[in-house]
Amino acid sequence: MAEAAALPERPADEPLGCGVFDTALGRCGIVWSAQGVVATRLPDVTVQDLCRRFPAAREVASPPAAIAAAIRGVQALLAGGTPDLRDVVLDERGIPEFRRQVHALTRAIPPGQTRTYGDIAAALGQPGAARAVGRAEGDNPFAPIVPCHRVMGAGGEPTGFSAPGGIDTKRRLLLIEARAAGQLAGDQQALF
């Protein structure tokens, strides 16, 4: 499946801010431009990791208000809250249109709910594109702001997850959200 054109690339020398922050899952990272969040990284990330991936990034001790709000939202989500992260502005320059459409549909999945790759493909009007959706989710630079952990394989099975810990991290995120949504029975909550 050929992807539609991407937005123009972000200039390689454009200044980027970055920082790491504590969450219930460990230290996460965020990179941003003047246009929005460029990337987030789930647990076990350092500023050095972010700067290797984004050479123009520099650590900022006090991020802009919109980025600080995004960080608080991610922290709340990973602590078992149900914040709406759809208002976090993403800098999707360089990301092809198909992937941006997948991101938009994925962001609309509420905490505690899931969809399959096939569901997303069908919603795009491309029912045969489940694998392309899977690739787009696997390349998602914005987890958990774009909650790709809420997208499952056929039959609702959790499949690949590119964050540290892989499928175990995906399951943990889903358990956190199920608990927050009141979807776990008392004995199941004890396991969490």
Foldseek 3Di string as FASTA:
>chain_A
DDFADFAAADPLQQAKEKDWDQAPQAIKMWIAHPQFTAFIADHDDDVVNVCVVRVNYDYDPDDPPLVVVLVVVVRQLRQQAFDQLPVGGYDRGPPTPVLVLLLVVQSPAGQLAAEELQVSCVVVVRNVCSVVSVVSLQPDRYPPSSPSLRYDHPPRHRDFDNHPVTSVVSVSSNLSRCVSVVNDDPVVVVVD
